[in-house]
Protein backbone atom coordinates (compact mmCIF):
# COMPACT_ATOMS: atom_id res chain seq x y z
CA MET A 1 32.58 29.83 -2.88
CA ARG A 2 31.47 28.05 0.21
CA LEU A 3 28.24 28.71 2.09
CA THR A 4 29.19 28.88 5.75
CA SER A 5 27.31 28.45 9.00
CA MET A 6 26.55 32.18 8.74
CA PHE A 7 24.26 31.38 5.80
CA ARG A 8 22.70 28.25 7.35
CA TYR A 9 21.94 29.92 10.67
CA GLY A 10 20.76 33.06 8.90
CA MET A 11 18.28 31.06 6.85
CA ARG A 12 17.01 29.36 10.02
CA ALA A 13 16.50 32.74 11.68
CA LEU A 14 14.72 34.07 8.60
CA ALA A 15 12.48 30.99 8.55
CA VAL A 16 11.28 31.93 12.05
CA LEU A 17 10.59 35.48 10.89
CA ALA A 18 8.80 34.17 7.79
CA GLU A 19 6.55 31.96 9.92
CA ASN A 20 5.56 35.11 11.83
CA TYR A 21 5.33 37.44 8.83
CA LYS A 22 2.43 39.89 9.21
CA LYS A 23 1.71 38.43 12.67
CA ARG A 24 4.24 39.91 15.08
CA PRO A 25 7.87 40.93 15.55
CA VAL A 26 10.14 38.19 16.92
CA SER A 27 12.89 38.97 19.43
CA ALA A 28 16.46 37.82 18.93
CA LYS A 29 16.22 35.95 22.22
CA GLU A 30 13.16 34.01 20.98
CA ILE A 31 14.88 33.09 17.70
CA SER A 32 18.01 32.08 19.59
CA GLN A 33 16.07 29.79 21.90
CA LYS A 34 13.85 28.30 19.21
CA GLU A 35 16.73 27.56 16.84
CA GLU A 36 19.23 26.71 19.59
CA MET A 37 21.88 29.16 18.43
CA SER A 38 24.18 31.53 20.23
CA LEU A 39 22.53 34.89 20.85
CA SER A 40 25.75 36.80 20.10
CA PHE A 41 26.20 34.98 16.77
CA LEU A 42 22.53 35.55 15.91
CA GLU A 43 22.89 39.26 16.65
CA GLN A 44 25.75 39.45 14.12
CA LEU A 45 23.53 37.77 11.51
CA LEU A 46 20.60 40.03 12.23
CA ALA A 47 22.80 43.13 11.98
CA ARG A 48 24.00 42.09 8.50
CA LEU A 49 20.47 41.25 7.36
CA ARG A 50 19.21 44.60 8.67
CA LYS A 51 22.07 46.47 6.96
CA HIS A 52 21.12 44.86 3.63
CA GLY A 53 17.41 45.65 4.04
CA VAL A 54 16.18 42.07 4.45
CA ILE A 55 14.81 42.69 7.96
CA LYS A 56 14.06 45.63 10.22
CA GLY A 57 13.97 45.87 13.97
CA THR A 58 11.73 47.66 16.41
CA ARG A 59 12.61 48.48 19.99
CA GLY A 60 10.60 48.38 23.15
CA PRO A 61 7.91 46.11 24.54
CA GLY A 62 6.53 43.93 21.79
CA GLY A 63 9.52 44.81 19.62
CA GLY A 64 11.74 42.50 17.67
CA PHE A 65 12.53 41.74 14.06
CA VAL A 66 10.32 41.47 10.99
CA LEU A 67 10.91 40.84 7.30
CA THR A 68 10.88 43.96 5.14
CA ARG A 69 8.91 42.22 2.39
CA PRO A 70 6.91 39.03 1.92
CA PRO A 71 8.91 35.78 2.21
CA SER A 72 8.08 35.01 -1.42
CA ARG A 73 10.00 38.16 -2.43
CA ILE A 74 13.17 37.40 -0.47
CA LYS A 75 15.46 35.43 -2.73
CA VAL A 76 18.09 33.08 -1.35
CA SER A 77 20.60 35.12 -3.37
CA ASP A 78 19.65 38.19 -1.28
CA VAL A 79 20.48 36.27 1.89
CA VAL A 80 23.75 34.90 0.52
CA GLU A 81 24.92 38.36 -0.52
CA ALA A 82 23.90 39.87 2.83
CA LEU A 83 25.61 37.22 4.95
CA GLU A 84 28.45 35.90 2.80
CA GLY A 85 29.17 38.78 0.46
CA PRO A 86 29.21 38.81 -3.34
CA VAL A 87 29.15 35.47 -5.13
CA PHE A 88 32.42 34.81 -6.98
CA LEU A 89 33.55 31.32 -7.86
CA SER A 90 37.06 32.42 -8.76
CA LYS A 91 39.21 35.40 -7.89
CA CYS A 92 39.52 36.28 -11.58
CA LEU A 93 35.75 36.72 -11.82
CA GLY A 94 35.40 39.01 -8.85
CA ALA A 95 38.71 40.82 -8.60
CA LEU A 96 37.45 44.08 -10.09
CA ASP A 97 34.30 44.13 -7.98
CA LEU A 98 36.24 43.25 -4.83
CA LYS A 99 38.80 46.00 -5.55
CA GLU A 100 41.59 43.43 -5.47
CA ASP A 101 44.38 42.97 -7.95
CA GLY A 102 42.95 42.44 -11.39
CA PRO A 103 42.78 39.15 -13.22
CA CYS A 104 46.00 37.23 -13.75
CA GLY A 105 46.79 38.90 -17.06
CA LYS A 106 45.89 35.87 -19.15
CA ILE A 107 42.15 36.40 -18.95
CA GLU A 108 41.75 37.32 -22.64
CA HIS A 109 43.30 34.00 -23.68
CA CYS A 110 42.29 31.83 -20.74
CA PRO A 111 40.41 28.69 -21.79
CA VAL A 112 38.92 28.27 -18.29
CA TYR A 113 37.59 31.81 -17.83
CA PRO A 114 34.45 31.41 -20.04
CA LEU A 115 33.53 28.19 -18.24
CA LEU A 116 33.98 29.77 -14.80
CA LYS A 117 31.89 32.74 -15.90
CA LYS A 118 29.08 30.43 -17.09
CA ILE A 119 29.16 28.34 -13.89
CA GLU A 120 29.02 31.50 -11.78
CA ARG A 121 26.09 32.88 -13.80
CA ASP A 122 24.23 29.56 -13.46
CA PHE A 123 24.93 29.44 -9.73
CA ARG A 124 23.57 32.96 -9.26
CA LYS A 125 20.51 32.02 -11.32
CA VAL A 126 19.87 29.01 -9.07
CA LEU A 127 20.23 31.09 -5.90
CA SER A 128 17.80 33.65 -7.31
CA SER A 129 15.28 30.97 -8.26
CA TYR A 130 14.57 30.04 -4.62
CA ASN A 131 12.83 32.26 -2.12
CA LEU A 132 12.29 32.22 1.61
CA SER A 133 8.69 31.01 1.43
CA GLU A 134 9.86 27.86 -0.37
CA ILE A 135 12.36 27.19 2.39
CA VAL A 136 9.69 27.59 5.06
CA SER A 137 7.18 25.38 3.24
CA SER A 138 9.78 22.61 2.85
CA LYS A 139 10.62 22.84 6.55
CA GLY A 140 7.42 21.02 7.48
CA LYS A 141 7.96 18.31 4.87
CA LYS A 142 11.02 16.67 6.42
CA LYS A 143 11.04 12.91 6.32
CA ARG A 144 10.66 11.33 9.72
CA LYS A 145 13.19 8.74 10.81
CA ARG A 146 11.81 5.34 11.54
CA GLY A 147 12.90 3.83 14.81
């Protein structure tokens, strides 16, 4: 599994929405300008996040996007699943869920399968242990470069 730019940019967009949580909706154009990202790419991200219930949009003057719940209740795993799809470290772990061909046929005797399963479970646990408010609070704590 690889987290792509879809995830990184999505988290940046969500950080903007988190900073404005309970204050006001934020337009896609504003997010695009603030985070210096393509508006068309951002709109794809926002559509996926809306489809998965992470954000909602309102139209009209003063409209834009807002989080559907507090930033502390939006887990990084929610964002990964919305933007990247289900987390599977190996095809044999996700084949049934992805409706692909089943495992290789050696799964019952595979010495690697239990390890992959444990790594995947631990990875999911780590993703679920972080939430959006932690990401936003760490945003202001970046180390400054000395010139």
